[in-house]
Amino acid sequence: MADPPQSTRQKQPTKVTTVEARQGTGPRDMVTVLVVSLLLAAVAGTAILAYFLG
């Protein structure tokens, strides 16, 4: 029996565990996420302080 055409076959997504995904990121990506998170936290803190003190 012949294989069905490519359009009817479904591609199986590759299963990646969280540990594998974390190990796949380099130090530069992790530092970027850290800096962006800290900046967003500072902006949120400033907005909260401005709301209560202003």
N, C-alpha and C. Protein backbone atom coordinates (compact mmCIF):
# COMPACT_ATOMS: atom_id res chain seq x y z
N MET A 1 0.85 -1.18 0.00
CA MET A 1 0.00 0.00 0.00
C MET A 1 0.89 1.24 0.00
N ALA A 2 0.55 2.23 -0.79
CA ALA A 2 1.36 3.43 -0.93
C ALA A 2 1.12 4.38 0.24
N ASP A 3 2.15 5.17 0.55
CA ASP A 3 2.00 6.18 1.61
C ASP A 3 1.03 7.27 1.16
N PRO A 4 0.27 7.83 2.08
CA PRO A 4 -0.63 8.93 1.72
C PRO A 4 0.18 10.16 1.32
N PRO A 5 -0.41 11.07 0.58
CA PRO A 5 0.31 12.29 0.18
C PRO A 5 0.76 13.07 1.41
N GLN A 6 1.79 13.89 1.23
CA GLN A 6 2.36 14.66 2.34
C GLN A 6 1.33 15.56 3.00
N SER A 7 0.38 16.09 2.25
CA SER A 7 -0.58 17.05 2.81
C SER A 7 -1.53 16.38 3.81
N THR A 8 -1.75 15.07 3.70
CA THR A 8 -2.68 14.42 4.62
C THR A 8 -1.98 13.88 5.86
N ARG A 9 -0.65 13.72 5.81
CA ARG A 9 0.08 13.24 6.98
C ARG A 9 0.27 14.38 7.97
N GLN A 10 0.15 14.05 9.24
CA GLN A 10 0.35 15.06 10.26
C GLN A 10 1.75 14.91 10.84
N LYS A 11 2.43 16.04 10.98
CA LYS A 11 3.76 16.00 11.58
C LYS A 11 3.61 15.92 13.08
N GLN A 12 4.36 15.01 13.67
CA GLN A 12 4.34 14.86 15.12
C GLN A 12 5.27 15.91 15.73
N PRO A 13 4.78 16.73 16.66
CA PRO A 13 5.67 17.72 17.27
C PRO A 13 6.73 17.03 18.12
N THR A 14 7.90 17.61 18.12
CA THR A 14 8.99 17.05 18.90
C THR A 14 8.73 17.34 20.38
N LYS A 15 8.80 16.30 21.19
CA LYS A 15 8.57 16.48 22.63
C LYS A 15 9.88 16.96 23.27
N VAL A 16 9.79 18.09 23.96
CA VAL A 16 10.94 18.65 24.65
C VAL A 16 10.54 18.87 26.10
N THR A 17 11.33 18.33 27.01
CA THR A 17 11.04 18.54 28.43
C THR A 17 11.50 19.94 28.83
N THR A 18 11.04 20.41 29.99
CA THR A 18 11.42 21.75 30.44
C THR A 18 12.91 21.84 30.71
N VAL A 19 13.49 20.75 31.19
CA VAL A 19 14.93 20.76 31.47
C VAL A 19 15.70 20.90 30.17
N GLU A 20 15.30 20.17 29.14
CA GLU A 20 15.98 20.27 27.84
C GLU A 20 15.82 21.66 27.24
N ALA A 21 14.65 22.25 27.39
CA ALA A 21 14.43 23.58 26.86
C ALA A 21 15.29 24.61 27.59
N ARG A 22 15.41 24.44 28.92
CA ARG A 22 16.21 25.37 29.71
C ARG A 22 17.69 25.23 29.35
N GLN A 23 18.14 24.01 29.11
CA GLN A 23 19.54 23.79 28.77
C GLN A 23 19.85 24.27 27.35
N GLY A 24 18.84 24.43 26.53
CA GLY A 24 19.05 24.87 25.16
C GLY A 24 19.28 26.36 25.03
N THR A 25 19.03 27.11 26.10
CA THR A 25 19.24 28.56 26.05
C THR A 25 20.63 28.88 26.57
N GLY A 26 21.25 29.84 25.95
CA GLY A 26 22.59 30.23 26.36
C GLY A 26 22.56 31.26 27.47
N PRO A 27 23.73 31.59 28.01
CA PRO A 27 23.80 32.56 29.09
C PRO A 27 23.34 33.95 28.67
N ARG A 28 23.57 34.31 27.42
CA ARG A 28 23.15 35.64 26.96
C ARG A 28 21.63 35.76 26.99
N ASP A 29 20.92 34.72 26.58
CA ASP A 29 19.46 34.74 26.62
C ASP A 29 18.95 34.84 28.05
N MET A 30 19.60 34.11 28.95
CA MET A 30 19.15 34.12 30.35
C MET A 30 19.37 35.48 30.98
N VAL A 31 20.50 36.13 30.66
CA VAL A 31 20.78 37.47 31.20
C VAL A 31 19.78 38.47 30.63
N THR A 32 19.45 38.33 29.36
CA THR A 32 18.48 39.23 28.74
C THR A 32 17.12 39.10 29.42
N VAL A 33 16.67 37.89 29.67
CA VAL A 33 15.39 37.68 30.35
C VAL A 33 15.44 38.26 31.76
N LEU A 34 16.56 38.08 32.45
CA LEU A 34 16.71 38.63 33.80
C LEU A 34 16.62 40.14 33.79
N VAL A 35 17.33 40.79 32.88
CA VAL A 35 17.34 42.25 32.82
C VAL A 35 15.96 42.79 32.46
N VAL A 36 15.31 42.18 31.49
CA VAL A 36 13.98 42.63 31.09
C VAL A 36 13.00 42.45 32.25
N SER A 37 13.09 41.34 32.96
CA SER A 37 12.20 41.10 34.10
C SER A 37 12.43 42.14 35.20
N LEU A 38 13.68 42.44 35.49
CA LEU A 38 13.98 43.45 36.51
C LEU A 38 13.49 44.83 36.09
N LEU A 39 13.64 45.18 34.83
CA LEU A 39 13.15 46.47 34.36
C LEU A 39 11.63 46.56 34.46
N LEU A 40 10.94 45.50 34.08
CA LEU A 40 9.47 45.51 34.19
C LEU A 40 9.03 45.59 35.64
N ALA A 41 9.75 44.91 36.53
CA ALA A 41 9.41 44.99 37.96
C ALA A 41 9.65 46.40 38.48
N ALA A 42 10.71 47.06 38.05
CA ALA A 42 10.99 48.43 38.47
C ALA A 42 9.91 49.39 37.96
N VAL A 43 9.48 49.20 36.72
CA VAL A 43 8.42 50.05 36.16
C VAL A 43 7.12 49.83 36.93
N ALA A 44 6.78 48.59 37.22
CA ALA A 44 5.56 48.30 37.96
C ALA A 44 5.64 48.88 39.37
N GLY A 45 6.79 48.75 40.03
CA GLY A 45 6.96 49.32 41.36
C GLY A 45 6.84 50.82 41.37
N THR A 46 7.42 51.47 40.36
CA THR A 46 7.32 52.91 40.24
C THR A 46 5.88 53.35 40.03
N ALA A 47 5.15 52.62 39.21
CA ALA A 47 3.75 52.95 38.95
C ALA A 47 2.91 52.80 40.22
N ILE A 48 3.18 51.76 40.99
CA ILE A 48 2.44 51.55 42.25
C ILE A 48 2.77 52.65 43.25
N LEU A 49 4.04 52.99 43.38
CA LEU A 49 4.42 54.07 44.28
C LEU A 49 3.80 55.40 43.86
N ALA A 50 3.82 55.70 42.58
CA ALA A 50 3.23 56.94 42.08
C ALA A 50 1.74 56.98 42.36
N TYR A 51 1.08 55.84 42.26
CA TYR A 51 -0.36 55.79 42.51
C TYR A 51 -0.67 56.08 43.98
N PHE A 52 0.09 55.47 44.89
CA PHE A 52 -0.21 55.63 46.31
C PHE A 52 0.34 56.92 46.89
N LEU A 53 1.45 57.39 46.37
CA LEU A 53 2.05 58.61 46.92
C LEU A 53 1.61 59.88 46.20
N GLY A 54 1.06 59.72 45.01
CA GLY A 54 0.71 60.89 44.21
C GLY A 54 -0.69 61.41 44.44
